[in-house]
Amino acid sequence: MNVAELRQRRDALLTALAAPEKSVADGTNSAEYRGVGELRAALAELDRQIREADGRPPVTTVRFSCSKGL
């Protein structure tokens, strides 16, 4: 599956997440979801696949910079 197809699926999931329904169809493909949690899990998986297909490494480190404002 190429990046354009993955992004189309991601867009369909975002639409489904905005108006949660039990099923989503886009012509030839259809999918049924149990709830918002499952939609979010599918979206996270698609994001991972898109990053992998683009050749971007996964985010493994988050750095915080904090101060008291003085």
PDB file of N, CA and C in Angstrom:
ATOM      1  N   MET A   1       0.850  -1.166   0.000  1.00  0.00           N
ATOM      2  CA  MET A   1       0.000   0.000   0.000  1.00  0.00           C
ATOM      3  C   MET A   1       0.901   1.236   0.000  1.00  0.00           C
ATOM      4  N   ASN A   2       0.606   2.207  -0.870  1.00  0.00           N
ATOM      5  CA  ASN A   2       1.453   3.392  -0.944  1.00  0.00           C
ATOM      6  C   ASN A   2       0.967   4.472   0.023  1.00  0.00           C
ATOM      7  N   VAL A   3       1.742   5.544   0.117  1.00  0.00           N
ATOM      8  CA  VAL A   3       1.464   6.603   1.085  1.00  0.00           C
ATOM      9  C   VAL A   3       0.138   7.297   0.774  1.00  0.00           C
ATOM     10  N   ALA A   4      -0.166   7.506  -0.503  1.00  0.00           N
ATOM     11  CA  ALA A   4      -1.421   8.182  -0.863  1.00  0.00           C
ATOM     12  C   ALA A   4      -2.633   7.371  -0.399  1.00  0.00           C
ATOM     13  N   GLU A   5      -2.595   6.057  -0.558  1.00  0.00           N
ATOM     14  CA  GLU A   5      -3.697   5.204  -0.105  1.00  0.00           C
ATOM     15  C   GLU A   5      -3.814   5.221   1.410  1.00  0.00           C
ATOM     16  N   LEU A   6      -2.675   5.196   2.088  1.00  0.00           N
ATOM     17  CA  LEU A   6      -2.685   5.253   3.549  1.00  0.00           C
ATOM     18  C   LEU A   6      -3.289   6.569   4.032  1.00  0.00           C
ATOM     19  N   ARG A   7      -2.949   7.661   3.361  1.00  0.00           N
ATOM     20  CA  ARG A   7      -3.497   8.964   3.757  1.00  0.00           C
ATOM     21  C   ARG A   7      -4.991   9.049   3.475  1.00  0.00           C
ATOM     22  N   GLN A   8      -5.464   8.412   2.408  1.00  0.00           N
ATOM     23  CA  GLN A   8      -6.903   8.371   2.139  1.00  0.00           C
ATOM     24  C   GLN A   8      -7.635   7.624   3.244  1.00  0.00           C
ATOM     25  N   ARG A   9      -7.056   6.505   3.668  1.00  0.00           N
ATOM     26  CA  ARG A   9      -7.661   5.747   4.773  1.00  0.00           C
ATOM     27  C   ARG A   9      -7.649   6.560   6.060  1.00  0.00           C
ATOM     28  N   ARG A  10      -6.550   7.294   6.284  1.00  0.00           N
ATOM     29  CA  ARG A  10      -6.448   8.135   7.484  1.00  0.00           C
ATOM     30  C   ARG A  10      -7.527   9.219   7.463  1.00  0.00           C
ATOM     31  N   ASP A  11      -7.730   9.842   6.301  1.00  0.00           N
ATOM     32  CA  ASP A  11      -8.771  10.862   6.176  1.00  0.00           C
ATOM     33  C   ASP A  11     -10.151  10.279   6.468  1.00  0.00           C
ATOM     34  N   ALA A  12     -10.403   9.062   5.977  1.00  0.00           N
ATOM     35  CA  ALA A  12     -11.693   8.408   6.239  1.00  0.00           C
ATOM     36  C   ALA A  12     -11.869   8.137   7.732  1.00  0.00           C
ATOM     37  N   LEU A  13     -10.782   7.734   8.400  1.00  0.00           N
ATOM     38  CA  LEU A  13     -10.861   7.492   9.843  1.00  0.00           C
ATOM     39  C   LEU A  13     -11.103   8.793  10.611  1.00  0.00           C
ATOM     40  N   LEU A  14     -10.465   9.881  10.185  1.00  0.00           N
ATOM     41  CA  LEU A  14     -10.700  11.160  10.856  1.00  0.00           C
ATOM     42  C   LEU A  14     -12.149  11.608  10.685  1.00  0.00           C
ATOM     43  N   THR A  15     -12.712  11.380   9.508  1.00  0.00           N
ATOM     44  CA  THR A  15     -14.117  11.701   9.278  1.00  0.00           C
ATOM     45  C   THR A  15     -15.003  10.848  10.183  1.00  0.00           C
ATOM     46  N   ALA A  16     -14.673   9.576  10.287  1.00  0.00           N
ATOM     47  CA  ALA A  16     -15.449   8.675  11.140  1.00  0.00           C
ATOM     48  C   ALA A  16     -15.314   9.057  12.612  1.00  0.00           C
ATOM     49  N   LEU A  17     -14.148   9.541  12.997  1.00  0.00           N
ATOM     50  CA  LEU A  17     -13.929   9.937  14.384  1.00  0.00           C
ATOM     51  C   LEU A  17     -14.706  11.213  14.718  1.00  0.00           C
ATOM     52  N   ALA A  18     -14.868  12.088  13.738  1.00  0.00           N
ATOM     53  CA  ALA A  18     -15.619  13.327  13.953  1.00  0.00           C
ATOM     54  C   ALA A  18     -17.109  13.050  14.152  1.00  0.00           C
ATOM     55  N   ALA A  19     -17.621  12.033  13.478  1.00  0.00           N
ATOM     56  CA  ALA A  19     -19.028  11.644  13.603  1.00  0.00           C
ATOM     57  C   ALA A  19     -19.072  10.134  13.771  1.00  0.00           C
ATOM     58  N   PRO A  20     -18.817   9.629  14.995  1.00  0.00           N
ATOM     59  CA  PRO A  20     -18.698   8.186  15.210  1.00  0.00           C
ATOM     60  C   PRO A  20     -19.926   7.408  14.731  1.00  0.00           C
ATOM     61  N   GLU A  21     -19.664   6.456  13.867  1.00  0.00           N
ATOM     62  CA  GLU A  21     -20.693   5.552  13.374  1.00  0.00           C
ATOM     63  C   GLU A  21     -20.163   4.133  13.484  1.00  0.00           C
ATOM     64  N   LYS A  22     -21.036   3.182  13.340  1.00  0.00           N
ATOM     65  CA  LYS A  22     -20.628   1.788  13.451  1.00  0.00           C
ATOM     66  C   LYS A  22     -19.899   1.276  12.219  1.00  0.00           C
ATOM     67  N   SER A  23     -20.135   1.882  11.039  1.00  0.00           N
ATOM     68  CA  SER A  23     -19.473   1.402   9.834  1.00  0.00           C
ATOM     69  C   SER A  23     -19.102   2.561   8.925  1.00  0.00           C
ATOM     70  N   VAL A  24     -18.029   2.347   8.129  1.00  0.00           N
ATOM     71  CA  VAL A  24     -17.543   3.336   7.179  1.00  0.00           C
ATOM     72  C   VAL A  24     -17.298   2.613   5.867  1.00  0.00           C
ATOM     73  N   ALA A  25     -17.733   3.216   4.755  1.00  0.00           N
ATOM     74  CA  ALA A  25     -17.514   2.624   3.438  1.00  0.00           C
ATOM     75  C   ALA A  25     -17.028   3.698   2.486  1.00  0.00           C
ATOM     76  N   ASP A  26     -16.063   3.348   1.642  1.00  0.00           N
ATOM     77  CA  ASP A  26     -15.554   4.300   0.649  1.00  0.00           C
ATOM     78  C   ASP A  26     -15.527   3.665  -0.738  1.00  0.00           C
ATOM     79  N   GLY A  27     -16.651   3.202  -1.188  1.00  0.00           N
ATOM     80  CA  GLY A  27     -16.732   2.597  -2.515  1.00  0.00           C
ATOM     81  C   GLY A  27     -16.521   1.101  -2.459  1.00  0.00           C
ATOM     82  N   THR A  28     -15.270   0.673  -2.642  1.00  0.00           N
ATOM     83  CA  THR A  28     -14.981  -0.758  -2.668  1.00  0.00           C
ATOM     84  C   THR A  28     -14.643  -1.334  -1.303  1.00  0.00           C
ATOM     85  N   ASN A  29     -14.206  -0.479  -0.381  1.00  0.00           N
ATOM     86  CA  ASN A  29     -13.802  -0.945   0.953  1.00  0.00           C
ATOM     87  C   ASN A  29     -14.830  -0.534   1.997  1.00  0.00           C
ATOM     88  N   SER A  30     -14.974  -1.369   3.002  1.00  0.00           N
ATOM     89  CA  SER A  30     -15.826  -1.015   4.129  1.00  0.00           C
ATOM     90  C   SER A  30     -15.232  -1.597   5.401  1.00  0.00           C
ATOM     91  N   ALA A  31     -15.542  -0.931   6.509  1.00  0.00           N
ATOM     92  CA  ALA A  31     -15.036  -1.389   7.797  1.00  0.00           C
ATOM     93  C   ALA A  31     -16.068  -1.091   8.870  1.00  0.00           C
ATOM     94  N   GLU A  32     -16.116  -1.944   9.872  1.00  0.00           N
ATOM     95  CA  GLU A  32     -17.003  -1.733  11.015  1.00  0.00           C
ATOM     96  C   GLU A  32     -16.149  -1.575  12.262  1.00  0.00           C
ATOM     97  N   TYR A  33     -16.530  -0.608  13.112  1.00  0.00           N
ATOM     98  CA  TYR A  33     -15.776  -0.313  14.315  1.00  0.00           C
ATOM     99  C   TYR A  33     -16.665  -0.491  15.530  1.00  0.00           C
ATOM    100  N   ARG A  34     -16.044  -0.785  16.643  1.00  0.00           N
ATOM    101  CA  ARG A  34     -16.797  -0.980  17.881  1.00  0.00           C
ATOM    102  C   ARG A  34     -16.996   0.319  18.641  1.00  0.00           C
ATOM    103  N   GLY A  35     -16.080   1.258  18.498  1.00  0.00           N
ATOM    104  CA  GLY A  35     -16.217   2.505  19.237  1.00  0.00           C
ATOM    105  C   GLY A  35     -15.089   3.464  18.944  1.00  0.00           C
ATOM    106  N   VAL A  36     -15.078   4.583  19.664  1.00  0.00           N
ATOM    107  CA  VAL A  36     -14.087   5.628  19.458  1.00  0.00           C
ATOM    108  C   VAL A  36     -12.679   5.114  19.772  1.00  0.00           C
ATOM    109  N   GLY A  37     -12.550   4.287  20.785  1.00  0.00           N
ATOM    110  CA  GLY A  37     -11.236   3.738  21.137  1.00  0.00           C
ATOM    111  C   GLY A  37     -10.634   2.931  20.003  1.00  0.00           C
ATOM    112  N   GLU A  38     -11.454   2.143  19.344  1.00  0.00           N
ATOM    113  CA  GLU A  38     -10.963   1.350  18.222  1.00  0.00           C
ATOM    114  C   GLU A  38     -10.599   2.240  17.033  1.00  0.00           C
ATOM    115  N   LEU A  39     -11.363   3.308  16.811  1.00  0.00           N
ATOM    116  CA  LEU A  39     -11.026   4.262  15.749  1.00  0.00           C
ATOM    117  C   LEU A  39      -9.677   4.919  16.030  1.00  0.00           C
ATOM    118  N   ARG A  40      -9.466   5.309  17.276  1.00  0.00           N
ATOM    119  CA  ARG A  40      -8.185   5.939  17.639  1.00  0.00           C
ATOM    120  C   ARG A  40      -7.017   4.968  17.488  1.00  0.00           C
ATOM    121  N   ALA A  41      -7.217   3.713  17.839  1.00  0.00           N
ATOM    122  CA  ALA A  41      -6.160   2.712  17.675  1.00  0.00           C
ATOM    123  C   ALA A  41      -5.839   2.507  16.198  1.00  0.00           C
ATOM    124  N   ALA A  42      -6.866   2.457  15.361  1.00  0.00           N
ATOM    125  CA  ALA A  42      -6.652   2.305  13.919  1.00  0.00           C
ATOM    126  C   ALA A  42      -5.940   3.526  13.356  1.00  0.00           C
ATOM    127  N   LEU A  43      -6.280   4.720  13.843  1.00  0.00           N
ATOM    128  CA  LEU A  43      -5.629   5.946  13.398  1.00  0.00           C
ATOM    129  C   LEU A  43      -4.151   5.960  13.791  1.00  0.00           C
ATOM    130  N   ALA A  44      -3.848   5.525  14.999  1.00  0.00           N
ATOM    131  CA  ALA A  44      -2.454   5.458  15.451  1.00  0.00           C
ATOM    132  C   ALA A  44      -1.658   4.469  14.596  1.00  0.00           C
ATOM    133  N   GLU A  45      -2.261   3.351  14.247  1.00  0.00           N
ATOM    134  CA  GLU A  45      -1.584   2.365  13.406  1.00  0.00           C
ATOM    135  C   GLU A  45      -1.336   2.921  12.002  1.00  0.00           C
ATOM    136  N   LEU A  46      -2.316   3.618  11.452  1.00  0.00           N
ATOM    137  CA  LEU A  46      -2.120   4.226  10.129  1.00  0.00           C
ATOM    138  C   LEU A  46      -1.038   5.298  10.173  1.00  0.00           C
ATOM    139  N   ASP A  47      -1.004   6.101  11.227  1.00  0.00           N
ATOM    140  CA  ASP A  47       0.051   7.105  11.370  1.00  0.00           C
ATOM    141  C   ASP A  47       1.426   6.439  11.402  1.00  0.00           C
ATOM    142  N   ARG A  48       1.526   5.311  12.103  1.00  0.00           N
ATOM    143  CA  ARG A  48       2.790   4.583  12.160  1.00  0.00           C
ATOM    144  C   ARG A  48       3.181   4.078  10.772  1.00  0.00           C
ATOM    145  N   GLN A  49       2.225   3.532  10.039  1.00  0.00           N
ATOM    146  CA  GLN A  49       2.498   3.017   8.695  1.00  0.00           C
ATOM    147  C   GLN A  49       2.899   4.136   7.739  1.00  0.00           C
ATOM    148  N   ILE A  50       2.270   5.310   7.876  1.00  0.00           N
ATOM    149  CA  ILE A  50       2.623   6.450   7.016  1.00  0.00           C
ATOM    150  C   ILE A  50       4.041   6.916   7.319  1.00  0.00           C
ATOM    151  N   ARG A  51       4.386   7.019   8.613  1.00  0.00           N
ATOM    152  CA  ARG A  51       5.761   7.403   8.979  1.00  0.00           C
ATOM    153  C   ARG A  51       6.767   6.413   8.423  1.00  0.00           C
ATOM    154  N   GLU A  52       6.458   5.137   8.523  1.00  0.00           N
ATOM    155  CA  GLU A  52       7.347   4.090   8.038  1.00  0.00           C
ATOM    156  C   GLU A  52       7.497   4.173   6.517  1.00  0.00           C
ATOM    157  N   ALA A  53       6.393   4.398   5.798  1.00  0.00           N
ATOM    158  CA  ALA A  53       6.429   4.481   4.332  1.00  0.00           C
ATOM    159  C   ALA A  53       7.171   5.733   3.871  1.00  0.00           C
ATOM    160  N   ASP A  54       7.093   6.833   4.647  1.00  0.00           N
ATOM    161  CA  ASP A  54       7.810   8.066   4.312  1.00  0.00           C
ATOM    162  C   ASP A  54       9.290   7.975   4.646  1.00  0.00           C
ATOM    163  N   GLY A  55       9.670   6.971   5.417  1.00  0.00           N
ATOM    164  CA  GLY A  55      11.064   6.819   5.800  1.00  0.00           C
ATOM    165  C   GLY A  55      11.450   7.631   7.019  1.00  0.00           C
ATOM    166  N   ARG A  56      10.447   8.150   7.746  1.00  0.00           N
ATOM    167  CA  ARG A  56      10.726   8.902   8.963  1.00  0.00           C
ATOM    168  C   ARG A  56      10.832   7.951  10.147  1.00  0.00           C
ATOM    169  N   PRO A  57      11.811   8.159  11.008  1.00  0.00           N
ATOM    170  CA  PRO A  57      11.930   7.294  12.183  1.00  0.00           C
ATOM    171  C   PRO A  57      10.824   7.594  13.190  1.00  0.00           C
ATOM    172  N   PRO A  58      10.456   6.613  13.996  1.00  0.00           N
ATOM    173  CA  PRO A  58       9.430   6.850  15.020  1.00  0.00           C
ATOM    174  C   PRO A  58       9.957   7.780  16.116  1.00  0.00           C
ATOM    175  N   VAL A  59       9.062   8.499  16.746  1.00  0.00           N
ATOM    176  CA  VAL A  59       9.430   9.378  17.850  1.00  0.00           C
ATOM    177  C   VAL A  59       9.657   8.510  19.078  1.00  0.00           C
ATOM    178  N   THR A  60      10.882   8.558  19.608  1.00  0.00           N
ATOM    179  CA  THR A  60      11.206   7.719  20.762  1.00  0.00           C
ATOM    180  C   THR A  60      11.586   8.531  21.992  1.00  0.00           C
ATOM    181  N   THR A  61      11.869   9.843  21.816  1.00  0.00           N
ATOM    182  CA  THR A  61      12.306  10.671  22.930  1.00  0.00           C
ATOM    183  C   THR A  61      11.540  11.981  22.926  1.00  0.00           C
ATOM    184  N   VAL A  62      11.095  12.391  24.108  1.00  0.00           N
ATOM    185  CA  VAL A  62      10.442  13.681  24.271  1.00  0.00           C
ATOM    186  C   VAL A  62      11.228  14.444  25.322  1.00  0.00           C
ATOM    187  N   ARG A  63      11.631  15.672  24.996  1.00  0.00           N
ATOM    188  CA  ARG A  63      12.403  16.473  25.940  1.00  0.00           C
ATOM    189  C   ARG A  63      11.562  17.639  26.434  1.00  0.00           C
ATOM    190  N   PHE A  64      11.646  17.885  27.726  1.00  0.00           N
ATOM    191  CA  PHE A  64      10.927  18.988  28.354  1.00  0.00           C
ATOM    192  C   PHE A  64      11.926  20.041  28.803  1.00  0.00           C
ATOM    193  N   SER A  65      11.540  21.277  28.662  1.00  0.00           N
ATOM    194  CA  SER A  65      12.329  22.386  29.162  1.00  0.00           C
ATOM    195  C   SER A  65      11.425  23.211  30.061  1.00  0.00           C
ATOM    196  N   CYS A  66      11.702  23.204  31.355  1.00  0.00           N
ATOM    197  CA  CYS A  66      10.829  23.871  32.323  1.00  0.00           C
ATOM    198  C   CYS A  66      11.600  24.930  33.087  1.00  0.00           C
ATOM    199  N   SER A  67      10.888  25.977  33.452  1.00  0.00           N
ATOM    200  CA  SER A  67      11.483  27.007  34.318  1.00  0.00           C
ATOM    201  C   SER A  67      10.374  27.597  35.172  1.00  0.00           C
ATOM    202  N   LYS A  68      10.778  28.314  36.164  1.00  0.00           N
ATOM    203  CA  LYS A  68       9.802  28.955  37.056  1.00  0.00           C
ATOM    204  C   LYS A  68       9.408  30.334  36.542  1.00  0.00           C
ATOM    205  N   GLY A  69       9.958  30.725  35.416  1.00  0.00           N
ATOM    206  CA  GLY A  69       9.617  32.010  34.846  1.00  0.00           C
ATOM    207  C   GLY A  69      10.379  33.174  35.454  1.00  0.00           C
ATOM    208  N   LEU A  70      11.457  32.904  36.140  1.00  0.00           N
ATOM    209  CA  LEU A  70      12.240  33.976  36.753  1.00  0.00           C
ATOM    210  C   LEU A  70      13.293  34.478  35.827  1.00  0.00           C
TER     211      LEU A  70
END
